[in-house]
Amino acid sequence: MTNFLRIQAIASFIGLVIIIVIFELIRRRKFIEKYALLWIFSATAIVVFSLFPKLLYRIARILDLHYITVLLILIFLFLL
């Protein structure tokens, strides 16, 4: 297994674990649903971009921007 595939697998696993933990915390009523949606969205984005890494390049090509610019825009939107 190459390093890239290993990193992909680890990132996907971490994203799935975050989603499971968030749902469990919601079930136990220890986490507010308003904040849970943000975390679930973020974890889903981690899983999607780790399973389909070329998707970010495709978005960059469609927007006619560099890869790092699109990544920074996504990070900024997350922080908002």
N, C-alpha and C. Protein backbone atom coordinates (compact mmCIF):
# COMPACT_ATOMS: atom_id res chain seq x y z
N MET A 1 0.85 -1.18 0.00
CA MET A 1 0.00 0.00 0.00
C MET A 1 0.90 1.24 0.00
N THR A 2 0.66 2.12 -0.93
CA THR A 2 1.48 3.32 -1.01
C THR A 2 1.10 4.29 0.10
N ASN A 3 1.96 5.26 0.32
CA ASN A 3 1.70 6.24 1.37
C ASN A 3 0.43 7.03 1.11
N PHE A 4 0.18 7.37 -0.17
CA PHE A 4 -1.01 8.16 -0.51
C PHE A 4 -2.28 7.38 -0.19
N LEU A 5 -2.31 6.10 -0.53
CA LEU A 5 -3.48 5.28 -0.23
C LEU A 5 -3.66 5.09 1.27
N ARG A 6 -2.57 4.99 1.97
CA ARG A 6 -2.64 4.85 3.42
C ARG A 6 -3.21 6.12 4.05
N ILE A 7 -2.78 7.28 3.58
CA ILE A 7 -3.30 8.55 4.09
C ILE A 7 -4.78 8.68 3.74
N GLN A 8 -5.16 8.26 2.53
CA GLN A 8 -6.57 8.28 2.13
C GLN A 8 -7.41 7.42 3.06
N ALA A 9 -6.94 6.23 3.35
CA ALA A 9 -7.68 5.31 4.21
C ALA A 9 -7.80 5.87 5.62
N ILE A 10 -6.73 6.44 6.15
CA ILE A 10 -6.76 7.01 7.49
C ILE A 10 -7.70 8.20 7.56
N ALA A 11 -7.67 9.08 6.56
CA ALA A 11 -8.55 10.24 6.54
C ALA A 11 -10.02 9.82 6.46
N SER A 12 -10.31 8.83 5.63
CA SER A 12 -11.68 8.33 5.53
C SER A 12 -12.14 7.72 6.84
N PHE A 13 -11.28 6.95 7.46
CA PHE A 13 -11.61 6.33 8.73
C PHE A 13 -11.86 7.38 9.81
N ILE A 14 -11.02 8.39 9.88
CA ILE A 14 -11.20 9.46 10.87
C ILE A 14 -12.52 10.19 10.64
N GLY A 15 -12.85 10.47 9.40
CA GLY A 15 -14.11 11.13 9.09
C GLY A 15 -15.31 10.29 9.52
N LEU A 16 -15.26 9.00 9.25
CA LEU A 16 -16.35 8.11 9.65
C LEU A 16 -16.47 8.00 11.17
N VAL A 17 -15.33 7.96 11.85
CA VAL A 17 -15.35 7.91 13.32
C VAL A 17 -15.96 9.19 13.89
N ILE A 18 -15.61 10.33 13.32
CA ILE A 18 -16.18 11.60 13.78
C ILE A 18 -17.70 11.60 13.62
N ILE A 19 -18.18 11.11 12.47
CA ILE A 19 -19.62 11.06 12.23
C ILE A 19 -20.30 10.15 13.26
N ILE A 20 -19.73 8.99 13.51
CA ILE A 20 -20.32 8.06 14.48
C ILE A 20 -20.33 8.66 15.88
N VAL A 21 -19.24 9.29 16.27
CA VAL A 21 -19.17 9.90 17.61
C VAL A 21 -20.19 11.02 17.74
N ILE A 22 -20.34 11.83 16.73
CA ILE A 22 -21.32 12.93 16.78
C ILE A 22 -22.73 12.39 16.93
N PHE A 23 -23.08 11.35 16.14
CA PHE A 23 -24.42 10.77 16.27
C PHE A 23 -24.64 10.17 17.66
N GLU A 24 -23.61 9.57 18.21
CA GLU A 24 -23.73 9.00 19.56
C GLU A 24 -23.91 10.11 20.61
N LEU A 25 -23.18 11.20 20.46
CA LEU A 25 -23.33 12.32 21.40
C LEU A 25 -24.71 12.96 21.29
N ILE A 26 -25.24 13.03 20.08
CA ILE A 26 -26.60 13.56 19.90
C ILE A 26 -27.60 12.63 20.56
N ARG A 27 -27.42 11.33 20.38
CA ARG A 27 -28.34 10.35 20.95
C ARG A 27 -28.37 10.44 22.48
N ARG A 28 -27.21 10.70 23.07
CA ARG A 28 -27.13 10.83 24.53
C ARG A 28 -27.49 12.23 25.03
N ARG A 29 -27.82 13.12 24.08
CA ARG A 29 -28.19 14.51 24.37
C ARG A 29 -27.05 15.27 25.08
N LYS A 30 -25.82 15.01 24.64
CA LYS A 30 -24.67 15.72 25.18
C LYS A 30 -24.08 16.69 24.17
N PHE A 31 -24.76 16.84 23.05
CA PHE A 31 -24.26 17.71 21.99
C PHE A 31 -25.45 18.41 21.35
N ILE A 32 -25.34 19.71 21.14
CA ILE A 32 -26.42 20.49 20.57
C ILE A 32 -26.51 20.22 19.06
N GLU A 33 -27.72 20.00 18.56
CA GLU A 33 -27.91 19.67 17.16
C GLU A 33 -27.39 20.75 16.22
N LYS A 34 -27.49 22.00 16.65
CA LYS A 34 -27.03 23.11 15.81
C LYS A 34 -25.54 22.97 15.49
N TYR A 35 -24.76 22.62 16.48
CA TYR A 35 -23.32 22.45 16.26
C TYR A 35 -23.01 21.10 15.62
N ALA A 36 -23.86 20.14 15.87
CA ALA A 36 -23.65 18.81 15.31
C ALA A 36 -23.72 18.83 13.80
N LEU A 37 -24.61 19.64 13.24
CA LEU A 37 -24.72 19.72 11.78
C LEU A 37 -23.41 20.20 11.16
N LEU A 38 -22.78 21.16 11.78
CA LEU A 38 -21.50 21.65 11.28
C LEU A 38 -20.44 20.55 11.31
N TRP A 39 -20.38 19.81 12.40
CA TRP A 39 -19.40 18.74 12.53
C TRP A 39 -19.68 17.60 11.56
N ILE A 40 -20.96 17.26 11.39
CA ILE A 40 -21.30 16.19 10.45
C ILE A 40 -20.96 16.61 9.03
N PHE A 41 -21.27 17.86 8.68
CA PHE A 41 -20.92 18.37 7.35
C PHE A 41 -19.41 18.33 7.13
N SER A 42 -18.66 18.75 8.12
CA SER A 42 -17.19 18.76 8.01
C SER A 42 -16.64 17.35 7.87
N ALA A 43 -17.14 16.42 8.67
CA ALA A 43 -16.67 15.04 8.59
C ALA A 43 -17.04 14.41 7.26
N THR A 44 -18.22 14.74 6.76
CA THR A 44 -18.63 14.22 5.45
C THR A 44 -17.72 14.77 4.35
N ALA A 45 -17.36 16.04 4.45
CA ALA A 45 -16.44 16.63 3.47
C ALA A 45 -15.08 15.94 3.54
N ILE A 46 -14.62 15.62 4.74
CA ILE A 46 -13.34 14.91 4.89
C ILE A 46 -13.41 13.55 4.19
N VAL A 47 -14.50 12.83 4.41
CA VAL A 47 -14.65 11.51 3.80
C VAL A 47 -14.72 11.62 2.28
N VAL A 48 -15.52 12.56 1.78
CA VAL A 48 -15.69 12.71 0.33
C VAL A 48 -14.36 13.10 -0.33
N PHE A 49 -13.67 14.08 0.23
CA PHE A 49 -12.41 14.51 -0.39
C PHE A 49 -11.29 13.50 -0.21
N SER A 50 -11.37 12.66 0.81
CA SER A 50 -10.35 11.63 0.94
C SER A 50 -10.63 10.45 0.01
N LEU A 51 -11.91 10.15 -0.23
CA LEU A 51 -12.23 9.06 -1.16
C LEU A 51 -12.08 9.49 -2.62
N PHE A 52 -12.35 10.75 -2.90
CA PHE A 52 -12.26 11.28 -4.26
C PHE A 52 -11.34 12.50 -4.29
N PRO A 53 -10.02 12.29 -4.20
CA PRO A 53 -9.09 13.42 -4.13
C PRO A 53 -9.06 14.26 -5.40
N LYS A 54 -9.40 13.69 -6.52
CA LYS A 54 -9.39 14.45 -7.77
C LYS A 54 -10.55 15.45 -7.84
N LEU A 55 -11.53 15.30 -6.95
CA LEU A 55 -12.67 16.21 -6.93
C LEU A 55 -12.25 17.64 -6.65
N LEU A 56 -11.29 17.82 -5.76
CA LEU A 56 -10.80 19.15 -5.44
C LEU A 56 -10.09 19.77 -6.64
N TYR A 57 -9.34 18.95 -7.38
CA TYR A 57 -8.69 19.44 -8.59
C TYR A 57 -9.73 19.82 -9.65
N ARG A 58 -10.79 19.03 -9.74
CA ARG A 58 -11.85 19.32 -10.71
C ARG A 58 -12.56 20.63 -10.37
N ILE A 59 -12.82 20.85 -9.08
CA ILE A 59 -13.44 22.11 -8.64
C ILE A 59 -12.53 23.28 -8.97
N ALA A 60 -11.23 23.11 -8.74
CA ALA A 60 -10.27 24.16 -9.06
C ALA A 60 -10.26 24.46 -10.54
N ARG A 61 -10.33 23.42 -11.37
CA ARG A 61 -10.32 23.63 -12.82
C ARG A 61 -11.60 24.34 -13.27
N ILE A 62 -12.74 23.96 -12.70
CA ILE A 62 -14.02 24.60 -13.07
C ILE A 62 -14.01 26.07 -12.69
N LEU A 63 -13.50 26.39 -11.51
CA LEU A 63 -13.46 27.78 -11.05
C LEU A 63 -12.28 28.55 -11.61
N ASP A 64 -11.41 27.86 -12.36
CA ASP A 64 -10.21 28.44 -12.95
C ASP A 64 -9.31 29.06 -11.87
N LEU A 65 -9.11 28.29 -10.80
CA LEU A 65 -8.25 28.69 -9.70
C LEU A 65 -7.21 27.62 -9.46
N HIS A 66 -6.21 27.96 -8.68
CA HIS A 66 -5.21 26.97 -8.29
C HIS A 66 -5.77 26.08 -7.20
N TYR A 67 -5.21 24.89 -7.09
CA TYR A 67 -5.64 23.90 -6.10
C TYR A 67 -5.60 24.47 -4.69
N ILE A 68 -4.51 25.11 -4.32
CA ILE A 68 -4.35 25.63 -2.97
C ILE A 68 -5.35 26.75 -2.68
N THR A 69 -5.72 27.52 -3.69
CA THR A 69 -6.70 28.58 -3.51
C THR A 69 -8.06 28.00 -3.16
N VAL A 70 -8.46 26.95 -3.86
CA VAL A 70 -9.74 26.30 -3.58
C VAL A 70 -9.71 25.69 -2.17
N LEU A 71 -8.60 25.09 -1.81
CA LEU A 71 -8.48 24.52 -0.46
C LEU A 71 -8.60 25.61 0.60
N LEU A 72 -7.96 26.73 0.40
CA LEU A 72 -8.07 27.84 1.35
C LEU A 72 -9.48 28.41 1.42
N ILE A 73 -10.17 28.47 0.28
CA ILE A 73 -11.56 28.94 0.27
C ILE A 73 -12.44 27.99 1.08
N LEU A 74 -12.24 26.68 0.91
CA LEU A 74 -13.02 25.72 1.68
C LEU A 74 -12.74 25.83 3.18
N ILE A 75 -11.49 26.03 3.54
CA ILE A 75 -11.14 26.20 4.94
C ILE A 75 -11.78 27.47 5.51
N PHE A 76 -11.73 28.54 4.72
CA PHE A 76 -12.35 29.80 5.16
C PHE A 76 -13.85 29.64 5.36
N LEU A 77 -14.53 28.96 4.43
CA LEU A 77 -15.96 28.73 4.56
C LEU A 77 -16.27 27.89 5.79
N PHE A 78 -15.41 26.94 6.10
CA PHE A 78 -15.60 26.14 7.31
C PHE A 78 -15.49 27.01 8.55
N LEU A 79 -14.53 27.91 8.56
CA LEU A 79 -14.33 28.75 9.73
C LEU A 79 -15.46 29.76 9.92
N LEU A 80 -16.11 30.13 8.84
CA LEU A 80 -17.25 31.04 8.95
C LEU A 80 -18.39 30.35 9.68
